[in-house]
């Protein structure tokens, strides 16, 4: 592999950068930390010892990583819990003090052309660049001062200028199929995306990645979700993103149990899919959720409720503000019952202390002991100091 492809750019939630650094150092000892600025970091690798294009060498030995990726040819460059996106780097461009995107855009295309000329036979460019993704790393924690991660207006402006200012001969070389598709940022499985990470107005990093899952379809792994005006809580964002990430076939006629459901934001995401929902919570539900014909409020604790309420349940969901052990205790009560056939679970684990991140492999082992063989863990875009777990049989 050429020198130009000898580092990776990683992005994570603001505030979780030290946890990601510890995870990468533990799971990928062949990577060497190089640079960081807030939630953005770069990692060097020796192409002889570490081959990120070879999916067999990308699988972490950590017990918390997804088992199904071991047989998935479209696996991500790295398997991490706290990495939001991972980009194969082409380096950076800097113009100290420069605030005009047009000047940076010219330097951007010069760098891209240099990269292509250096590795003309690279599989990353053989089928052309299908999308251009421009994004900025988070500058604060989700939910703080009403901040929610997403593509910024500056990133959108830069994306338009990059597309508009692309030299004609470069368009022909990079986008042999549909050049107009460059304006659309939503990627599709197998496509190659050209990334521009705007770490600062005068510091851009350039790279590329393949679309392999729901998050990598979007710039920086940032799904274009906004809290609906009728959502009763922020839990809607978590579970809407979680349902898309997990790929669980929850839809019309699915029977779900939402543990700790009040006031009902997570239940709303399920009800919008025409699922039947039993919401378990001693607290009151929002009237809008209670009025839905597919919703039943089971007021109390699981151990106090009649078993017949759960006989049709196939999916368990929860977002409780309690320690991970309490969340797992609540799920285990239903997941291990002989009279139920639970297909899958989607839930958050709160990391009140970041040190709990080291316990994730133990949590996964406990879940696996209940008979769930497919377990994925990820800190989602709309998670705060927590992770989402998707487990299925």
Foldseek 3Di string as FASTA:
>chain_A
DDPLQFKKKFFFFFPCQVVVVVQCCVFPVQWAWDDDDGRMTMIGHDCVVAPLLQQCRQETPFLQFWPVSNPPNLDWSHTDFGTLHMFRFSWKAFDPPDQDLLVVLVVVLVSVVVVCVVCVPDPLQPQAAQEEAEAEHDPDFPPVVNDFDDGDPVRLVSLVSNLVPHDPVNLVRHPVDDSVSHNPQQADAFHKYWYWYCHDSRMIIIGMTGDHFDQVRHHSSHDPDDDDPPQPDLVLVVLLVQCRRLVDPQAAAAEEEEEQQPQHRNVVNNVVRNYQYEYEELDYYDPVQVPDPRYHYDHDAPVPDDPVVCQRHAEYEYEDPDAQVVVVVSVCVPLQDPSHHHFKYKYKHACPDSVCVVCSSVSVVVVVVSVFDTKHWHQHSNHGRIIMIITGD
